[in-house]
């Protein structure tokens, strides 16, 4: 399964003319493309699907979604046991 998962932007940099971010998904950090949400800022939450941030999200909604995914075991399924 491939979820759209909220995560918090922890850094932003340009790489090969593409805006990229390190995004924290509750302890798992992944590199994410910000091409679809170039106005995202460090500290904000974004919804990520297959390596692309597809929208910004408020913190409470992100936390609620992550808690639900965690309870259902979907985060472990998506990110593996590294969490």
PDB file of N, CA and C in Angstrom:
ATOM      1  N   UNK A   1       0.842  -1.164   0.000  1.00  0.00           N
ATOM      2  CA  UNK A   1       0.000   0.000   0.000  1.00  0.00           C
ATOM      3  C   UNK A   1       0.895   1.238   0.000  1.00  0.00           C
ATOM      4  N   UNK A   2       0.443   2.267  -0.631  1.00  0.00           N
ATOM      5  CA  UNK A   2       1.209   3.503  -0.673  1.00  0.00           C
ATOM      6  C   UNK A   2       0.317   4.628  -0.172  1.00  0.00           C
ATOM      7  N   UNK A   3       0.606   5.111   1.028  1.00  0.00           N
ATOM      8  CA  UNK A   3      -0.196   6.138   1.664  1.00  0.00           C
ATOM      9  C   UNK A   3       0.310   7.530   1.337  1.00  0.00           C
ATOM     10  N   UNK A   4      -0.560   8.509   1.500  1.00  0.00           N
ATOM     11  CA  UNK A   4      -0.147   9.906   1.558  1.00  0.00           C
ATOM     12  C   UNK A   4      -0.013  10.203   3.049  1.00  0.00           C
ATOM     13  N   UNK A   5       1.204  10.475   3.502  1.00  0.00           N
ATOM     14  CA  UNK A   5       1.501  10.568   4.930  1.00  0.00           C
ATOM     15  C   UNK A   5       1.961  11.983   5.274  1.00  0.00           C
ATOM     16  N   UNK A   6       1.426  12.566   6.363  1.00  0.00           N
ATOM     17  CA  UNK A   6       1.907  13.880   6.784  1.00  0.00           C
ATOM     18  C   UNK A   6       3.255  13.786   7.482  1.00  0.00           C
ATOM     19  N   UNK A   7       4.085  14.787   7.240  1.00  0.00           N
ATOM     20  CA  UNK A   7       5.374  14.874   7.896  1.00  0.00           C
ATOM     21  C   UNK A   7       5.773  16.329   8.073  1.00  0.00           C
ATOM     22  N   UNK A   8       6.720  16.571   8.982  1.00  0.00           N
ATOM     23  CA  UNK A   8       7.173  17.942   9.282  1.00  0.00           C
ATOM     24  C   UNK A   8       8.457  18.239   8.533  1.00  0.00           C
ATOM     25  N   UNK A   9       8.472  19.346   7.830  1.00  0.00           N
ATOM     26  CA  UNK A   9       9.651  19.779   7.080  1.00  0.00           C
ATOM     27  C   UNK A   9      10.724  20.208   8.083  1.00  0.00           C
ATOM     28  N   UNK A  10      11.921  19.586   7.974  1.00  0.00           N
ATOM     29  CA  UNK A  10      12.992  19.948   8.909  1.00  0.00           C
ATOM     30  C   UNK A  10      14.124  20.719   8.233  1.00  0.00           C
ATOM     31  N   UNK A  11      14.228  20.626   6.902  1.00  0.00           N
ATOM     32  CA  UNK A  11      15.188  21.453   6.175  1.00  0.00           C
ATOM     33  C   UNK A  11      14.781  21.482   4.705  1.00  0.00           C
ATOM     34  N   UNK A  12      15.215  22.543   4.028  1.00  0.00           N
ATOM     35  CA  UNK A  12      14.912  22.731   2.608  1.00  0.00           C
ATOM     36  C   UNK A  12      16.189  23.120   1.891  1.00  0.00           C
ATOM     37  N   UNK A  13      16.398  22.541   0.707  1.00  0.00           N
ATOM     38  CA  UNK A  13      17.569  22.878  -0.104  1.00  0.00           C
ATOM     39  C   UNK A  13      17.238  22.614  -1.565  1.00  0.00           C
ATOM     40  N   UNK A  14      17.958  23.296  -2.427  1.00  0.00           N
ATOM     41  CA  UNK A  14      17.805  23.044  -3.855  1.00  0.00           C
ATOM     42  C   UNK A  14      18.853  22.035  -4.282  1.00  0.00           C
ATOM     43  N   UNK A  15      18.435  21.052  -5.050  1.00  0.00           N
ATOM     44  CA  UNK A  15      19.348  20.034  -5.555  1.00  0.00           C
ATOM     45  C   UNK A  15      19.035  19.792  -7.019  1.00  0.00           C
ATOM     46  N   UNK A  16      20.023  19.981  -7.864  1.00  0.00           N
ATOM     47  CA  UNK A  16      19.843  19.791  -9.309  1.00  0.00           C
ATOM     48  C   UNK A  16      18.651  20.594  -9.821  1.00  0.00           C
ATOM     49  N   UNK A  17      18.555  21.850  -9.413  1.00  0.00           N
ATOM     50  CA  UNK A  17      17.479  22.771  -9.812  1.00  0.00           C
ATOM     51  C   UNK A  17      16.095  22.326  -9.340  1.00  0.00           C
ATOM     52  N   UNK A  18      16.020  21.491  -8.315  1.00  0.00           N
ATOM     53  CA  UNK A  18      14.753  21.028  -7.770  1.00  0.00           C
ATOM     54  C   UNK A  18      14.715  21.320  -6.278  1.00  0.00           C
ATOM     55  N   UNK A  19      13.616  21.891  -5.818  1.00  0.00           N
ATOM     56  CA  UNK A  19      13.460  22.194  -4.401  1.00  0.00           C
ATOM     57  C   UNK A  19      13.142  20.903  -3.648  1.00  0.00           C
ATOM     58  N   UNK A  20      13.997  20.566  -2.685  1.00  0.00           N
ATOM     59  CA  UNK A  20      13.869  19.326  -1.924  1.00  0.00           C
ATOM     60  C   UNK A  20      13.821  19.650  -0.429  1.00  0.00           C
ATOM     61  N   UNK A  21      13.283  18.710   0.349  1.00  0.00           N
ATOM     62  CA  UNK A  21      13.211  18.889   1.799  1.00  0.00           C
ATOM     63  C   UNK A  21      13.510  17.576   2.494  1.00  0.00           C
ATOM     64  N   UNK A  22      14.063  17.689   3.693  1.00  0.00           N
ATOM     65  CA  UNK A  22      14.121  16.549   4.601  1.00  0.00           C
ATOM     66  C   UNK A  22      12.851  16.658   5.426  1.00  0.00           C
ATOM     67  N   UNK A  23      12.076  15.571   5.464  1.00  0.00           N
ATOM     68  CA  UNK A  23      10.787  15.567   6.151  1.00  0.00           C
ATOM     69  C   UNK A  23      10.789  14.463   7.201  1.00  0.00           C
ATOM     70  N   UNK A  24      10.354  14.815   8.408  1.00  0.00           N
ATOM     71  CA  UNK A  24      10.296  13.876   9.526  1.00  0.00           C
ATOM     72  C   UNK A  24       8.892  13.307   9.643  1.00  0.00           C
ATOM     73  N   UNK A  25       8.799  11.985   9.567  1.00  0.00           N
ATOM     74  CA  UNK A  25       7.537  11.272   9.697  1.00  0.00           C
ATOM     75  C   UNK A  25       7.522  10.560  11.045  1.00  0.00           C
ATOM     76  N   UNK A  26       7.533  11.306  12.122  1.00  0.00           N
ATOM     77  CA  UNK A  26       7.488  10.715  13.451  1.00  0.00           C
ATOM     78  C   UNK A  26       8.699   9.866  13.776  1.00  0.00           C
ATOM     79  N   UNK A  27       9.871  10.314  13.362  1.00  0.00           N
ATOM     80  CA  UNK A  27      11.103   9.597  13.673  1.00  0.00           C
ATOM     81  C   UNK A  27      11.807   9.014  12.470  1.00  0.00           C
ATOM     82  N   UNK A  28      11.115   8.901  11.364  1.00  0.00           N
ATOM     83  CA  UNK A  28      11.728   8.450  10.113  1.00  0.00           C
ATOM     84  C   UNK A  28      11.868   9.677   9.223  1.00  0.00           C
ATOM     85  N   UNK A  29      13.088   9.938   8.742  1.00  0.00           N
ATOM     86  CA  UNK A  29      13.344  11.095   7.902  1.00  0.00           C
ATOM     87  C   UNK A  29      13.560  10.648   6.469  1.00  0.00           C
ATOM     88  N   UNK A  30      12.889  11.340   5.548  1.00  0.00           N
ATOM     89  CA  UNK A  30      12.999  11.024   4.121  1.00  0.00           C
ATOM     90  C   UNK A  30      13.211  12.308   3.340  1.00  0.00           C
ATOM     91  N   UNK A  31      13.857  12.178   2.182  1.00  0.00           N
ATOM     92  CA  UNK A  31      13.992  13.307   1.273  1.00  0.00           C
ATOM     93  C   UNK A  31      12.746  13.369   0.398  1.00  0.00           C
ATOM     94  N   UNK A  32      12.199  14.574   0.241  1.00  0.00           N
ATOM     95  CA  UNK A  32      10.928  14.771  -0.439  1.00  0.00           C
ATOM     96  C   UNK A  32      11.054  15.933  -1.415  1.00  0.00           C
ATOM     97  N   UNK A  33      10.430  15.802  -2.569  1.00  0.00           N
ATOM     98  CA  UNK A  33      10.404  16.870  -3.564  1.00  0.00           C
ATOM     99  C   UNK A  33       9.300  17.871  -3.206  1.00  0.00           C
ATOM    100  N   UNK A  34       9.631  19.174  -3.253  1.00  0.00           N
ATOM    101  CA  UNK A  34       8.672  20.234  -2.936  1.00  0.00           C
ATOM    102  C   UNK A  34       8.156  20.950  -4.180  1.00  0.00           C
ATOM    103  N   UNK A  35       8.303  20.365  -5.350  1.00  0.00           N
ATOM    104  CA  UNK A  35       7.902  21.033  -6.595  1.00  0.00           C
ATOM    105  C   UNK A  35       6.432  21.455  -6.586  1.00  0.00           C
ATOM    106  N   UNK A  36       5.555  20.670  -5.962  1.00  0.00           N
ATOM    107  CA  UNK A  36       4.123  20.981  -5.951  1.00  0.00           C
ATOM    108  C   UNK A  36       3.723  21.933  -4.834  1.00  0.00           C
ATOM    109  N   UNK A  37       4.576  22.102  -3.833  1.00  0.00           N
ATOM    110  CA  UNK A  37       4.313  23.041  -2.731  1.00  0.00           C
ATOM    111  C   UNK A  37       5.582  23.845  -2.428  1.00  0.00           C
ATOM    112  N   UNK A  38       6.019  24.651  -3.392  1.00  0.00           N
ATOM    113  CA  UNK A  38       7.285  25.373  -3.219  1.00  0.00           C
ATOM    114  C   UNK A  38       7.258  26.409  -2.101  1.00  0.00           C
ATOM    115  N   UNK A  39       6.071  26.756  -1.604  1.00  0.00           N
ATOM    116  CA  UNK A  39       5.969  27.739  -0.528  1.00  0.00           C
ATOM    117  C   UNK A  39       6.013  27.093   0.855  1.00  0.00           C
ATOM    118  N   UNK A  40       6.191  25.780   0.929  1.00  0.00           N
ATOM    119  CA  UNK A  40       6.314  25.106   2.226  1.00  0.00           C
ATOM    120  C   UNK A  40       7.548  25.627   2.949  1.00  0.00           C
ATOM    121  N   UNK A  41       7.436  25.729   4.273  1.00  0.00           N
ATOM    122  CA  UNK A  41       8.524  26.282   5.080  1.00  0.00           C
ATOM    123  C   UNK A  41       8.954  25.273   6.143  1.00  0.00           C
ATOM    124  N   UNK A  42      10.179  25.431   6.617  1.00  0.00           N
ATOM    125  CA  UNK A  42      10.687  24.598   7.704  1.00  0.00           C
ATOM    126  C   UNK A  42       9.735  24.736   8.894  1.00  0.00           C
ATOM    127  N   UNK A  43       9.384  23.595   9.481  1.00  0.00           N
ATOM    128  CA  UNK A  43       8.476  23.567  10.620  1.00  0.00           C
ATOM    129  C   UNK A  43       7.032  23.288  10.243  1.00  0.00           C
ATOM    130  N   UNK A  44       6.688  23.480   8.986  1.00  0.00           N
ATOM    131  CA  UNK A  44       5.326  23.196   8.537  1.00  0.00           C
ATOM    132  C   UNK A  44       5.163  21.712   8.228  1.00  0.00           C
ATOM    133  N   UNK A  45       3.918  21.279   8.178  1.00  0.00           N
ATOM    134  CA  UNK A  45       3.605  19.903   7.811  1.00  0.00           C
ATOM    135  C   UNK A  45       3.144  19.848   6.367  1.00  0.00           C
ATOM    136  N   UNK A  46       3.563  18.797   5.685  1.00  0.00           N
ATOM    137  CA  UNK A  46       3.145  18.553   4.311  1.00  0.00           C
ATOM    138  C   UNK A  46       2.638  17.117   4.208  1.00  0.00           C
ATOM    139  N   UNK A  47       1.738  16.890   3.266  1.00  0.00           N
ATOM    140  CA  UNK A  47       1.271  15.541   2.969  1.00  0.00           C
ATOM    141  C   UNK A  47       2.132  15.032   1.829  1.00  0.00           C
ATOM    142  N   UNK A  48       2.734  13.851   2.015  1.00  0.00           N
ATOM    143  CA  UNK A  48       3.692  13.307   1.049  1.00  0.00           C
ATOM    144  C   UNK A  48       3.147  12.010   0.464  1.00  0.00           C
ATOM    145  N   UNK A  49       3.216  11.929  -0.854  1.00  0.00           N
ATOM    146  CA  UNK A  49       2.816  10.711  -1.562  1.00  0.00           C
ATOM    147  C   UNK A  49       3.903  10.390  -2.583  1.00  0.00           C
ATOM    148  N   UNK A  50       4.415   9.188  -2.540  1.00  0.00           N
ATOM    149  CA  UNK A  50       5.487   8.675  -3.414  1.00  0.00           C
ATOM    150  C   UNK A  50       6.630   9.676  -3.610  1.00  0.00           C
ATOM    151  N   UNK A  51       7.053  10.284  -2.495  1.00  0.00           N
ATOM    152  CA  UNK A  51       8.225  11.150  -2.525  1.00  0.00           C
ATOM    153  C   UNK A  51       7.969  12.597  -2.897  1.00  0.00           C
ATOM    154  N   UNK A  52       6.712  12.962  -3.110  1.00  0.00           N
ATOM    155  CA  UNK A  52       6.356  14.332  -3.456  1.00  0.00           C
ATOM    156  C   UNK A  52       5.417  14.906  -2.408  1.00  0.00           C
ATOM    157  N   UNK A  53       5.740  16.105  -1.918  1.00  0.00           N
ATOM    158  CA  UNK A  53       4.801  16.825  -1.060  1.00  0.00           C
ATOM    159  C   UNK A  53       3.684  17.321  -1.968  1.00  0.00           C
ATOM    160  N   UNK A  54       2.433  16.994  -1.614  1.00  0.00           N
ATOM    161  CA  UNK A  54       1.322  17.356  -2.491  1.00  0.00           C
ATOM    162  C   UNK A  54       0.430  18.447  -1.912  1.00  0.00           C
ATOM    163  N   UNK A  55       0.561  18.729  -0.610  1.00  0.00           N
ATOM    164  CA  UNK A  55      -0.162  19.855  -0.010  1.00  0.00           C
ATOM    165  C   UNK A  55       0.387  20.127   1.376  1.00  0.00           C
ATOM    166  N   UNK A  56       0.134  21.354   1.863  1.00  0.00           N
ATOM    167  CA  UNK A  56       0.474  21.701   3.235  1.00  0.00           C
ATOM    168  C   UNK A  56      -0.683  21.296   4.127  1.00  0.00           C
ATOM    169  N   UNK A  57      -0.397  21.101   5.418  1.00  0.00           N
ATOM    170  CA  UNK A  57      -1.395  20.615   6.367  1.00  0.00           C
ATOM    171  C   UNK A  57      -1.117  21.250   7.725  1.00  0.00           C
ATOM    172  N   UNK A  58      -2.183  21.606   8.456  1.00  0.00           N
ATOM    173  CA  UNK A  58      -1.972  22.181   9.785  1.00  0.00           C
ATOM    174  C   UNK A  58      -1.483  21.091  10.745  1.00  0.00           C
ATOM    175  N   UNK A  59      -0.798  21.513  11.798  1.00  0.00           N
ATOM    176  CA  UNK A  59      -0.149  20.575  12.720  1.00  0.00           C
ATOM    177  C   UNK A  59      -1.138  19.626  13.392  1.00  0.00           C
ATOM    178  N   UNK A  60      -2.282  20.139  13.839  1.00  0.00           N
ATOM    179  CA  UNK A  60      -3.246  19.281  14.538  1.00  0.00           C
ATOM    180  C   UNK A  60      -3.770  18.171  13.622  1.00  0.00           C
ATOM    181  N   UNK A  61      -4.096  18.512  12.387  1.00  0.00           N
ATOM    182  CA  UNK A  61      -4.561  17.494  11.428  1.00  0.00           C
ATOM    183  C   UNK A  61      -3.469  16.472  11.154  1.00  0.00           C
ATOM    184  N   UNK A  62      -2.228  16.944  11.030  1.00  0.00           N
ATOM    185  CA  UNK A  62      -1.104  16.031  10.790  1.00  0.00           C
ATOM    186  C   UNK A  62      -0.932  15.070  11.959  1.00  0.00           C
ATOM    187  N   UNK A  63      -0.965  15.592  13.190  1.00  0.00           N
ATOM    188  CA  UNK A  63      -0.796  14.753  14.383  1.00  0.00           C
ATOM    189  C   UNK A  63      -1.937  13.741  14.514  1.00  0.00           C
ATOM    190  N   UNK A  64      -3.163  14.187  14.245  1.00  0.00           N
ATOM    191  CA  UNK A  64      -4.317  13.281  14.307  1.00  0.00           C
ATOM    192  C   UNK A  64      -4.187  12.156  13.290  1.00  0.00           C
ATOM    193  N   UNK A  65      -3.775  12.501  12.076  1.00  0.00           N
ATOM    194  CA  UNK A  65      -3.613  11.499  11.019  1.00  0.00           C
ATOM    195  C   UNK A  65      -2.505  10.519  11.364  1.00  0.00           C
ATOM    196  N   UNK A  66      -1.366  11.029  11.833  1.00  0.00           N
ATOM    197  CA  UNK A  66      -0.257  10.148  12.210  1.00  0.00           C
ATOM    198  C   UNK A  66      -0.658   9.212  13.345  1.00  0.00           C
ATOM    199  N   UNK A  67      -1.416   9.710  14.314  1.00  0.00           N
ATOM    200  CA  UNK A  67      -1.858   8.870  15.431  1.00  0.00           C
ATOM    201  C   UNK A  67      -2.784   7.762  14.940  1.00  0.00           C
ATOM    202  N   UNK A  68      -3.679   8.096  14.035  1.00  0.00           N
ATOM    203  CA  UNK A  68      -4.591   7.087  13.481  1.00  0.00           C
ATOM    204  C   UNK A  68      -3.819   6.051  12.682  1.00  0.00           C
ATOM    205  N   UNK A  69      -2.901   6.492  11.826  1.00  0.00           N
ATOM    206  CA  UNK A  69      -2.088   5.561  11.036  1.00  0.00           C
ATOM    207  C   UNK A  69      -1.281   4.645  11.952  1.00  0.00           C
ATOM    208  N   UNK A  70      -0.721   5.223  13.033  1.00  0.00           N
ATOM    209  CA  UNK A  70       0.076   4.447  13.984  1.00  0.00           C
ATOM    210  C   UNK A  70      -0.792   3.375  14.645  1.00  0.00           C
ATOM    211  N   UNK A  71      -1.975   3.775  15.076  1.00  0.00           N
ATOM    212  CA  UNK A  71      -2.885   2.848  15.746  1.00  0.00           C
ATOM    213  C   UNK A  71      -3.289   1.689  14.822  1.00  0.00           C
ATOM    214  N   UNK A  72      -3.449   1.973  13.553  1.00  0.00           N
ATOM    215  CA  UNK A  72      -3.840   0.956  12.584  1.00  0.00           C
ATOM    216  C   UNK A  72      -2.656   0.139  12.063  1.00  0.00           C
ATOM    217  N   UNK A  73      -1.441   0.523  12.470  1.00  0.00           N
ATOM    218  CA  UNK A  73      -0.254  -0.194  12.019  1.00  0.00           C
ATOM    219  C   UNK A  73       0.174   0.174  10.610  1.00  0.00           C
ATOM    220  N   UNK A  74      -0.387   1.257  10.073  1.00  0.00           N
ATOM    221  CA  UNK A  74      -0.078   1.630   8.694  1.00  0.00           C
ATOM    222  C   UNK A  74       1.294   2.277   8.545  1.00  0.00           C
ATOM    223  N   UNK A  75       1.778   2.949   9.593  1.00  0.00           N
ATOM    224  CA  UNK A  75       3.105   3.574   9.487  1.00  0.00           C
ATOM    225  C   UNK A  75       4.198   2.516   9.432  1.00  0.00           C
ATOM    226  N   UNK A  76       4.075   1.486  10.243  1.00  0.00           N
ATOM    227  CA  UNK A  76       5.062   0.412  10.195  1.00  0.00           C
ATOM    228  C   UNK A  76       5.017  -0.275   8.829  1.00  0.00           C
ATOM    229  N   UNK A  77       3.815  -0.435   8.309  1.00  0.00           N
ATOM    230  CA  UNK A  77       3.650  -1.042   6.986  1.00  0.00           C
ATOM    231  C   UNK A  77       4.303  -0.168   5.910  1.00  0.00           C
ATOM    232  N   UNK A  78       4.158   1.144   6.043  1.00  0.00           N
ATOM    233  CA  UNK A  78       4.698   2.076   5.051  1.00  0.00           C
ATOM    234  C   UNK A  78       6.216   2.254   5.191  1.00  0.00           C
ATOM    235  N   UNK A  79       6.700   2.387   6.446  1.00  0.00           N
ATOM    236  CA  UNK A  79       8.111   2.713   6.687  1.00  0.00           C
ATOM    237  C   UNK A  79       8.928   1.551   7.223  1.00  0.00           C
ATOM    238  N   UNK A  80       8.304   0.456   7.564  1.00  0.00           N
ATOM    239  CA  UNK A  80       9.040  -0.682   8.102  1.00  0.00           C
ATOM    240  C   UNK A  80       9.275  -0.538   9.583  1.00  0.00           C
ATOM    241  N   UNK A  81      10.062  -1.437  10.128  1.00  0.00           N
ATOM    242  CA  UNK A  81      10.315  -1.496  11.570  1.00  0.00           C
ATOM    243  C   UNK A  81      11.259  -0.415  12.050  1.00  0.00           C
ATOM    244  N   UNK A  82      11.777   0.435  11.171  1.00  0.00           N
ATOM    245  CA  UNK A  82      12.742   1.466  11.554  1.00  0.00           C
ATOM    246  C   UNK A  82      12.132   2.521  12.457  1.00  0.00           C
ATOM    247  N   UNK A  83      10.836   2.580  12.564  1.00  0.00           N
ATOM    248  CA  UNK A  83      10.176   3.537  13.419  1.00  0.00           C
ATOM    249  C   UNK A  83      10.454   3.174  14.820  1.00  0.00           C
TER     250      UNK A  83
END
